[in-house]
Amino acid sequence: MRLLALDTATSAITVAAHDGTTVLAARSVEDARHYTEHLAPTIEAVLGDAGWSPRALSDIVVGTGPGPFTGLRVGIVTALTLGHATGARVHGVCSLDALARAAREAHPQETEVLVATDARRREVYWARYRDGERVEGPGVARAAELPDALRALPTVGRGPLLYPDALAHPLTAPGRPLLDVDAAALARVAVDGIRAGSPMPTTPLYLRRPDAQEPGAPKPATSPTPVRRSDVLEPSKDTP
């Protein structure tokens, strides 16, 4: 297996190469505004680090969110285009599952965790995991409006950093916070799913409409109100 994993659902543009046994190379760039500029060079660098050509790929996995409209579109379109060009099979994995996998690997003693990533608009994308398996979500909500039982869980993602009063139990990995998706963890989730024969659609998990909307159909023109003769002021006789 020669699998390329990529994700653009969080603040990290992240790419990894996995040979079915281990991660051979991985790189991430933190920049939530320039997905297009960073993704292709990062893919090229990771393939170079792994010593692979694009046509050597057997599989491509892409994070399907939830995440911002632009980020998901860039990642998924790139994965599908690369798959079409190389003949590699393309799979999708919920991006929150990758963060949960990283948390599970760093803290196997934690039976339940909450993943909460930045959804902007003062909201978080969230999902609940038990023993590494998603049992609730994904959803989107204000952090303070999540049920108390969820907010009491150890939490990974940018949620605790952004809303420390509502999500007061951040979970970190040794030496680094677990804020964004790591493509290495995404690759490990994908390898397990491929071997298990699990369905892995590439349908994006937007959860809500994008900020930019196409304009609606124009309203039908209304006929002007007819002007009655009595509404028109007659000129004064003194007017020259």
C-alpha atoms as a PDB file:
ATOM      1  CA  MET A   1       0.000   0.000   0.000  1.00  0.00           C
ATOM      2  CA  ARG A   2       1.163   3.500  -0.847  1.00  0.00           C
ATOM      3  CA  LEU A   3      -1.311   5.865   0.731  1.00  0.00           C
ATOM      4  CA  LEU A   4      -1.275   9.650   0.685  1.00  0.00           C
ATOM      5  CA  ALA A   5      -3.349  11.369   3.393  1.00  0.00           C
ATOM      6  CA  LEU A   6      -4.310  15.042   3.345  1.00  0.00           C
ATOM      7  CA  ASP A   7      -6.585  17.289   5.364  1.00  0.00           C
ATOM      8  CA  THR A   8      -7.632  20.942   5.131  1.00  0.00           C
ATOM      9  CA  ALA A   9     -10.524  20.986   7.619  1.00  0.00           C
ATOM     10  CA  THR A  10      -8.738  22.811  10.435  1.00  0.00           C
ATOM     11  CA  SER A  11      -6.064  25.502  10.654  1.00  0.00           C
ATOM     12  CA  ALA A  12      -3.436  23.012   9.444  1.00  0.00           C
ATOM     13  CA  ILE A  13      -2.781  22.036   5.852  1.00  0.00           C
ATOM     14  CA  THR A  14      -1.435  18.574   6.604  1.00  0.00           C
ATOM     15  CA  VAL A  15      -0.146  15.724   4.407  1.00  0.00           C
ATOM     16  CA  ALA A  16       1.358  12.305   5.181  1.00  0.00           C
ATOM     17  CA  ALA A  17       2.597   9.220   3.326  1.00  0.00           C
ATOM     18  CA  HIS A  18       1.844   5.745   4.769  1.00  0.00           C
ATOM     19  CA  ASP A  19       3.072   2.417   3.358  1.00  0.00           C
ATOM     20  CA  GLY A  20       0.461   0.269   5.114  1.00  0.00           C
ATOM     21  CA  THR A  21       2.750  -0.343   8.073  1.00  0.00           C
ATOM     22  CA  THR A  22       4.108   3.012   9.132  1.00  0.00           C
ATOM     23  CA  VAL A  23       4.109   6.710   8.310  1.00  0.00           C
ATOM     24  CA  LEU A  24       7.099   7.437   6.049  1.00  0.00           C
ATOM     25  CA  ALA A  25       6.767  11.212   5.841  1.00  0.00           C
ATOM     26  CA  ALA A  26       4.493  13.973   7.125  1.00  0.00           C
ATOM     27  CA  ARG A  27       4.357  17.755   6.917  1.00  0.00           C
ATOM     28  CA  SER A  28       1.939  20.417   8.162  1.00  0.00           C
ATOM     29  CA  VAL A  29       1.569  24.147   7.566  1.00  0.00           C
ATOM     30  CA  GLU A  30      -0.602  26.221   9.882  1.00  0.00           C
ATOM     31  CA  ASP A  31      -2.468  28.752   7.749  1.00  0.00           C
ATOM     32  CA  ALA A  32      -6.265  28.836   7.725  1.00  0.00           C
ATOM     33  CA  ARG A  33      -6.443  31.384   4.879  1.00  0.00           C
ATOM     34  CA  HIS A  34      -4.198  30.002   2.142  1.00  0.00           C
ATOM     35  CA  TYR A  35      -5.137  26.356   1.610  1.00  0.00           C
ATOM     36  CA  THR A  36      -4.654  26.521  -2.152  1.00  0.00           C
ATOM     37  CA  GLU A  37      -1.188  28.065  -1.972  1.00  0.00           C
ATOM     38  CA  HIS A  38       0.174  25.518   0.524  1.00  0.00           C
ATOM     39  CA  LEU A  39      -1.492  22.202  -0.310  1.00  0.00           C
ATOM     40  CA  ALA A  40       0.147  21.308  -3.647  1.00  0.00           C
ATOM     41  CA  PRO A  41       3.713  22.176  -2.500  1.00  0.00           C
ATOM     42  CA  THR A  42       3.184  20.206   0.716  1.00  0.00           C
ATOM     43  CA  ILE A  43       1.982  17.153  -1.221  1.00  0.00           C
ATOM     44  CA  GLU A  44       5.009  17.410  -3.512  1.00  0.00           C
ATOM     45  CA  ALA A  45       7.372  17.687  -0.523  1.00  0.00           C
ATOM     46  CA  VAL A  46       5.862  14.683   1.281  1.00  0.00           C
ATOM     47  CA  LEU A  47       6.008  12.530  -1.843  1.00  0.00           C
ATOM     48  CA  GLY A  48       9.635  13.562  -2.247  1.00  0.00           C
ATOM     49  CA  ASP A  49      10.394  12.703   1.379  1.00  0.00           C
ATOM     50  CA  ALA A  50       8.814   9.261   0.913  1.00  0.00           C
ATOM     51  CA  GLY A  51      10.595   8.695  -2.406  1.00  0.00           C
ATOM     52  CA  TRP A  52       7.323   8.175  -4.283  1.00  0.00           C
ATOM     53  CA  SER A  53       6.056   9.507  -7.576  1.00  0.00           C
ATOM     54  CA  PRO A  54       2.360  10.462  -7.749  1.00  0.00           C
ATOM     55  CA  ARG A  55       1.634   7.550 -10.092  1.00  0.00           C
ATOM     56  CA  ALA A  56       3.007   5.121  -7.507  1.00  0.00           C
ATOM     57  CA  LEU A  57       0.092   5.868  -5.175  1.00  0.00           C
ATOM     58  CA  SER A  58      -2.426   3.091  -4.554  1.00  0.00           C
ATOM     59  CA  ASP A  59      -4.726   5.092  -2.263  1.00  0.00           C
ATOM     60  CA  ILE A  60      -5.512   8.676  -1.323  1.00  0.00           C
ATOM     61  CA  VAL A  61      -7.459   9.648   1.791  1.00  0.00           C
ATOM     62  CA  VAL A  62      -8.882  13.096   2.431  1.00  0.00           C
ATOM     63  CA  GLY A  63     -10.423  14.576   5.560  1.00  0.00           C
ATOM     64  CA  THR A  64     -14.089  15.314   4.887  1.00  0.00           C
ATOM     65  CA  GLY A  65     -14.594  17.738   7.766  1.00  0.00           C
ATOM     66  CA  PRO A  66     -16.602  19.175   9.264  1.00  0.00           C
ATOM     67  CA  GLY A  67     -14.755  22.343   8.418  1.00  0.00           C
ATOM     68  CA  PRO A  68     -14.944  25.606   6.500  1.00  0.00           C
ATOM     69  CA  PHE A  69     -16.423  25.472   3.011  1.00  0.00           C
ATOM     70  CA  THR A  70     -13.317  26.743   1.219  1.00  0.00           C
ATOM     71  CA  GLY A  71     -10.887  24.489   3.070  1.00  0.00           C
ATOM     72  CA  LEU A  72     -12.914  21.326   2.498  1.00  0.00           C
ATOM     73  CA  ARG A  73     -13.490  22.138  -1.154  1.00  0.00           C
ATOM     74  CA  VAL A  74      -9.753  22.618  -1.777  1.00  0.00           C
ATOM     75  CA  GLY A  75      -8.807  19.378  -0.036  1.00  0.00           C
ATOM     76  CA  ILE A  76     -11.491  17.161  -1.524  1.00  0.00           C
ATOM     77  CA  VAL A  77     -11.174  18.491  -5.074  1.00  0.00           C
ATOM     78  CA  THR A  78      -7.397  18.066  -4.888  1.00  0.00           C
ATOM     79  CA  ALA A  79      -7.745  14.454  -3.702  1.00  0.00           C
ATOM     80  CA  LEU A  80     -10.302  13.568  -6.377  1.00  0.00           C
ATOM     81  CA  THR A  81      -8.257  15.229  -9.127  1.00  0.00           C
ATOM     82  CA  LEU A  82      -5.071  13.476  -8.018  1.00  0.00           C
ATOM     83  CA  GLY A  83      -6.917  10.163  -7.855  1.00  0.00           C
ATOM     84  CA  HIS A  84      -8.264  10.645 -11.380  1.00  0.00           C
ATOM     85  CA  ALA A  85      -4.803  11.521 -12.695  1.00  0.00           C
ATOM     86  CA  THR A  86      -2.991   8.622 -10.994  1.00  0.00           C
ATOM     87  CA  GLY A  87      -5.637   5.905 -10.845  1.00  0.00           C
ATOM     88  CA  ALA A  88      -5.367   5.741  -7.053  1.00  0.00           C
ATOM     89  CA  ARG A  89      -8.481   4.916  -5.047  1.00  0.00           C
ATOM     90  CA  VAL A  90      -9.821   7.930  -3.100  1.00  0.00           C
ATOM     91  CA  HIS A  91     -11.340   7.581   0.370  1.00  0.00           C
ATOM     92  CA  GLY A  92     -12.843  10.012   2.865  1.00  0.00           C
ATOM     93  CA  VAL A  93     -12.511  10.103   6.656  1.00  0.00           C
ATOM     94  CA  CYS A  94     -14.236  12.446   9.092  1.00  0.00           C
ATOM     95  CA  SER A  95     -11.517  14.881  10.147  1.00  0.00           C
ATOM     96  CA  LEU A  96     -12.610  14.779  13.784  1.00  0.00           C
ATOM     97  CA  ASP A  97     -11.888  11.028  13.780  1.00  0.00           C
ATOM     98  CA  ALA A  98      -8.217  11.811  13.124  1.00  0.00           C
ATOM     99  CA  LEU A  99      -8.021  14.133  16.132  1.00  0.00           C
ATOM    100  CA  ALA A 100      -9.720  11.483  18.257  1.00  0.00           C
ATOM    101  CA  ARG A 101      -7.181   8.906  17.019  1.00  0.00           C
ATOM    102  CA  ALA A 102      -4.295  11.172  18.024  1.00  0.00           C
ATOM    103  CA  ALA A 103      -5.868  11.635  21.460  1.00  0.00           C
ATOM    104  CA  ARG A 104      -6.359   7.889  21.831  1.00  0.00           C
ATOM    105  CA  GLU A 105      -2.735   7.195  20.937  1.00  0.00           C
ATOM    106  CA  ALA A 106      -1.452   9.826  23.377  1.00  0.00           C
ATOM    107  CA  HIS A 107      -3.847   8.978  26.225  1.00  0.00           C
ATOM    108  CA  PRO A 108      -5.136   5.384  25.928  1.00  0.00           C
ATOM    109  CA  GLN A 109      -6.398   5.556  29.516  1.00  0.00           C
ATOM    110  CA  GLU A 110      -9.045   8.137  28.563  1.00  0.00           C
ATOM    111  CA  THR A 111     -12.117   6.096  27.636  1.00  0.00           C
ATOM    112  CA  GLU A 112     -14.157   9.100  26.491  1.00  0.00           C
ATOM    113  CA  VAL A 113     -13.039  12.314  24.812  1.00  0.00           C
ATOM    114  CA  LEU A 114     -14.660  15.269  23.110  1.00  0.00           C
ATOM    115  CA  VAL A 115     -13.257  16.706  19.882  1.00  0.00           C
ATOM    116  CA  ALA A 116     -14.105  20.394  19.420  1.00  0.00           C
ATOM    117  CA  THR A 117     -12.621  22.354  16.514  1.00  0.00           C
ATOM    118  CA  ASP A 118     -13.069  25.959  15.459  1.00  0.00           C
ATOM    119  CA  ALA A 119     -16.268  26.509  13.466  1.00  0.00           C
ATOM    120  CA  ARG A 120     -16.003  30.322  13.613  1.00  0.00           C
ATOM    121  CA  ARG A 121     -19.106  32.392  14.404  1.00  0.00           C
ATOM    122  CA  ARG A 122     -18.278  31.616  18.076  1.00  0.00           C
ATOM    123  CA  GLU A 123     -19.149  27.944  17.471  1.00  0.00           C
ATOM    124  CA  VAL A 124     -17.333  24.604  17.471  1.00  0.00           C
ATOM    125  CA  TYR A 125     -17.597  21.456  15.388  1.00  0.00           C
ATOM    126  CA  TRP A 126     -17.830  18.627  17.890  1.00  0.00           C
ATOM    127  CA  ALA A 127     -18.067  14.853  18.249  1.00  0.00           C
ATOM    128  CA  ARG A 128     -17.915  12.476  21.205  1.00  0.00           C
ATOM    129  CA  TYR A 129     -15.725   9.348  21.212  1.00  0.00           C
ATOM    130  CA  ARG A 130     -15.658   6.252  23.399  1.00  0.00           C
ATOM    131  CA  ASP A 131     -12.666   3.904  23.185  1.00  0.00           C
ATOM    132  CA  GLY A 132     -11.661   5.639  19.965  1.00  0.00           C
ATOM    133  CA  GLU A 133     -15.037   5.175  18.250  1.00  0.00           C
ATOM    134  CA  ARG A 134     -17.386   8.037  17.435  1.00  0.00           C
ATOM    135  CA  VAL A 135     -20.612   7.638  19.407  1.00  0.00           C
ATOM    136  CA  GLU A 136     -22.181  11.072  18.932  1.00  0.00           C
ATOM    137  CA  GLY A 137     -21.864  13.798  16.310  1.00  0.00           C
ATOM    138  CA  PRO A 138     -20.484  15.433  14.343  1.00  0.00           C
ATOM    139  CA  GLY A 139     -22.432  18.574  15.092  1.00  0.00           C
ATOM    140  CA  VAL A 140     -22.003  22.329  15.324  1.00  0.00           C
ATOM    141  CA  ALA A 141     -22.959  24.508  18.300  1.00  0.00           C
ATOM    142  CA  ARG A 142     -21.786  27.243  20.613  1.00  0.00           C
ATOM    143  CA  ALA A 143     -19.342  25.731  23.087  1.00  0.00           C
ATOM    144  CA  ALA A 144     -21.246  27.077  26.098  1.00  0.00           C
ATOM    145  CA  GLU A 145     -24.474  25.520  24.804  1.00  0.00           C
ATOM    146  CA  LEU A 146     -23.134  21.962  24.636  1.00  0.00           C
ATOM    147  CA  PRO A 147     -24.607  19.635  27.292  1.00  0.00           C
ATOM    148  CA  ASP A 148     -22.751  19.628  30.600  1.00  0.00           C
ATOM    149  CA  ALA A 149     -21.848  15.960  30.133  1.00  0.00           C
ATOM    150  CA  LEU A 150     -19.968  16.807  26.923  1.00  0.00           C
ATOM    151  CA  ARG A 151     -18.232  19.897  28.293  1.00  0.00           C
ATOM    152  CA  ALA A 152     -16.956  17.857  31.248  1.00  0.00           C
ATOM    153  CA  LEU A 153     -15.009  15.485  28.987  1.00  0.00           C
ATOM    154  CA  PRO A 154     -11.286  15.778  28.215  1.00  0.00           C
ATOM    155  CA  THR A 155     -11.240  17.767  24.979  1.00  0.00           C
ATOM    156  CA  VAL A 156      -8.929  18.055  21.974  1.00  0.00           C
ATOM    157  CA  GLY A 157      -9.048  20.584  19.156  1.00  0.00           C
ATOM    158  CA  ARG A 158      -8.996  24.381  19.294  1.00  0.00           C
ATOM    159  CA  GLY A 159     -12.226  24.533  21.281  1.00  0.00           C
ATOM    160  CA  PRO A 160     -10.602  24.676  24.743  1.00  0.00           C
ATOM    161  CA  LEU A 161      -8.109  27.281  23.511  1.00  0.00           C
ATOM    162  CA  LEU A 162     -10.862  29.501  22.117  1.00  0.00           C
ATOM    163  CA  TYR A 163     -13.486  28.927  24.823  1.00  0.00           C
ATOM    164  CA  PRO A 164     -11.658  27.977  28.024  1.00  0.00           C
ATOM    165  CA  ASP A 165     -14.609  28.835  30.266  1.00  0.00           C
ATOM    166  CA  ALA A 166     -16.932  26.433  28.426  1.00  0.00           C
ATOM    167  CA  LEU A 167     -14.390  23.697  27.606  1.00  0.00           C
ATOM    168  CA  ALA A 168     -12.185  23.620  30.669  1.00  0.00           C
ATOM    169  CA  HIS A 169     -10.511  20.202  30.248  1.00  0.00           C
ATOM    170  CA  PRO A 170      -7.987  20.385  27.387  1.00  0.00           C
ATOM    171  CA  LEU A 171      -6.125  17.205  26.527  1.00  0.00           C
ATOM    172  CA  THR A 172      -2.620  17.517  25.093  1.00  0.00           C
ATOM    173  CA  ALA A 173      -0.058  15.114  23.722  1.00  0.00           C
ATOM    174  CA  PRO A 174       3.385  14.983  25.331  1.00  0.00           C
ATOM    175  CA  GLY A 175       5.237  18.094  24.219  1.00  0.00           C
ATOM    176  CA  ARG A 176       2.509  19.459  21.944  1.00  0.00           C
ATOM    177  CA  PRO A 177      -1.142  20.471  22.031  1.00  0.00           C
ATOM    178  CA  LEU A 178      -3.729  18.519  20.051  1.00  0.00           C
ATOM    179  CA  LEU A 179      -5.243  21.474  18.236  1.00  0.00           C
ATOM    180  CA  ASP A 180      -5.496  20.522  14.547  1.00  0.00           C
ATOM    181  CA  VAL A 181      -5.735  17.421  12.395  1.00  0.00           C
ATOM    182  CA  ASP A 182      -2.483  15.536  11.849  1.00  0.00           C
ATOM    183  CA  ALA A 183      -2.414  13.694   8.509  1.00  0.00           C
ATOM    184  CA  ALA A 184      -0.343  10.924  10.093  1.00  0.00           C
ATOM    185  CA  ALA A 185      -3.274  10.075  12.390  1.00  0.00           C
ATOM    186  CA  LEU A 186      -5.682  10.446   9.463  1.00  0.00           C
ATOM    187  CA  ALA A 187      -3.610   7.938   7.509  1.00  0.00           C
ATOM    188  CA  ARG A 188      -3.734   5.409  10.357  1.00  0.00           C
ATOM    189  CA  VAL A 189      -7.517   5.728  10.577  1.00  0.00           C
ATOM    190  CA  ALA A 190      -7.762   5.232   6.817  1.00  0.00           C
ATOM    191  CA  VAL A 191      -5.523   2.160   6.747  1.00  0.00           C
ATOM    192  CA  ASP A 192      -7.704   0.511   9.399  1.00  0.00           C
ATOM    193  CA  GLY A 193     -10.863   1.413   7.480  1.00  0.00           C
ATOM    194  CA  ILE A 194      -9.534   0.127   4.152  1.00  0.00           C
ATOM    195  CA  ARG A 195      -8.500  -3.185   5.683  1.00  0.00           C
ATOM    196  CA  ALA A 196     -11.866  -3.548   7.397  1.00  0.00           C
ATOM    197  CA  GLY A 197     -13.696  -2.811   4.159  1.00  0.00           C
ATOM    198  CA  SER A 198     -15.558   0.096   5.766  1.00  0.00           C
ATOM    199  CA  PRO A 199     -17.412   2.555   3.531  1.00  0.00           C
ATOM    200  CA  MET A 200     -15.347   5.745   3.253  1.00  0.00           C
ATOM    201  CA  PRO A 201     -17.240   8.273   1.117  1.00  0.00           C
ATOM    202  CA  THR A 202     -15.660  11.588   0.158  1.00  0.00           C
ATOM    203  CA  THR A 203     -18.867  13.572   0.744  1.00  0.00           C
ATOM    204  CA  PRO A 204     -17.930  16.798   2.584  1.00  0.00           C
ATOM    205  CA  LEU A 205     -19.421  17.380   6.040  1.00  0.00           C
ATOM    206  CA  TYR A 206     -20.248  21.073   5.774  1.00  0.00           C
ATOM    207  CA  LEU A 207     -23.002  20.980   8.474  1.00  0.00           C
ATOM    208  CA  ARG A 208     -24.087  24.470   7.508  1.00  0.00           C
ATOM    209  CA  ARG A 209     -24.301  26.711   4.469  1.00  0.00           C
ATOM    210  CA  PRO A 210     -21.256  28.717   3.351  1.00  0.00           C
ATOM    211  CA  ASP A 211     -21.096  32.411   4.237  1.00  0.00           C
ATOM    212  CA  ALA A 212     -21.201  33.374   0.548  1.00  0.00           C
ATOM    213  CA  GLN A 213     -24.542  32.635  -1.090  1.00  0.00           C
ATOM    214  CA  GLU A 214     -25.624  32.853  -4.700  1.00  0.00           C
ATOM    215  CA  PRO A 215     -28.159  35.634  -5.166  1.00  0.00           C
ATOM    216  CA  GLY A 216     -31.754  34.486  -5.374  1.00  0.00           C
ATOM    217  CA  ALA A 217     -34.000  34.924  -8.370  1.00  0.00           C
ATOM    218  CA  PRO A 218     -34.999  38.533  -8.935  1.00  0.00           C
ATOM    219  CA  LYS A 219     -38.382  39.520  -7.603  1.00  0.00           C
ATOM    220  CA  PRO A 220     -41.053  40.070 -10.257  1.00  0.00           C
ATOM    221  CA  ALA A 221     -41.370  43.676 -11.312  1.00  0.00           C
ATOM    222  CA  THR A 222     -44.412  45.428  -9.891  1.00  0.00           C
ATOM    223  CA  SER A 223     -46.592  47.655 -12.007  1.00  0.00           C
ATOM    224  CA  PRO A 224     -46.268  51.311 -11.114  1.00  0.00           C
ATOM    225  CA  THR A 225     -49.135  52.780  -9.173  1.00  0.00           C
ATOM    226  CA  PRO A 226     -51.270  54.795 -11.572  1.00  0.00           C
ATOM    227  CA  VAL A 227     -51.227  58.526 -10.914  1.00  0.00           C
ATOM    228  CA  ARG A 228     -54.651  60.017 -10.458  1.00  0.00           C
ATOM    229  CA  ARG A 229     -55.394  63.379 -12.035  1.00  0.00           C
ATOM    230  CA  SER A 230     -56.457  64.723  -8.655  1.00  0.00           C
ATOM    231  CA  ASP A 231     -53.006  63.918  -7.252  1.00  0.00           C
ATOM    232  CA  VAL A 232     -51.335  66.352  -9.665  1.00  0.00           C
ATOM    233  CA  LEU A 233     -51.148  69.955  -8.503  1.00  0.00           C
ATOM    234  CA  GLU A 234     -52.728  72.312 -10.940  1.00  0.00           C
ATOM    235  CA  PRO A 235     -50.520  75.265 -11.794  1.00  0.00           C
ATOM    236  CA  SER A 236     -51.464  78.526 -10.159  1.00  0.00           C
ATOM    237  CA  LYS A 237     -53.154  81.135 -12.297  1.00  0.00           C
ATOM    238  CA  ASP A 238     -50.428  83.535 -11.201  1.00  0.00           C
ATOM    239  CA  THR A 239     -47.804  81.368 -12.799  1.00  0.00           C
ATOM    240  CA  PRO A 240     -46.481  83.076 -15.948  1.00  0.00           C
END
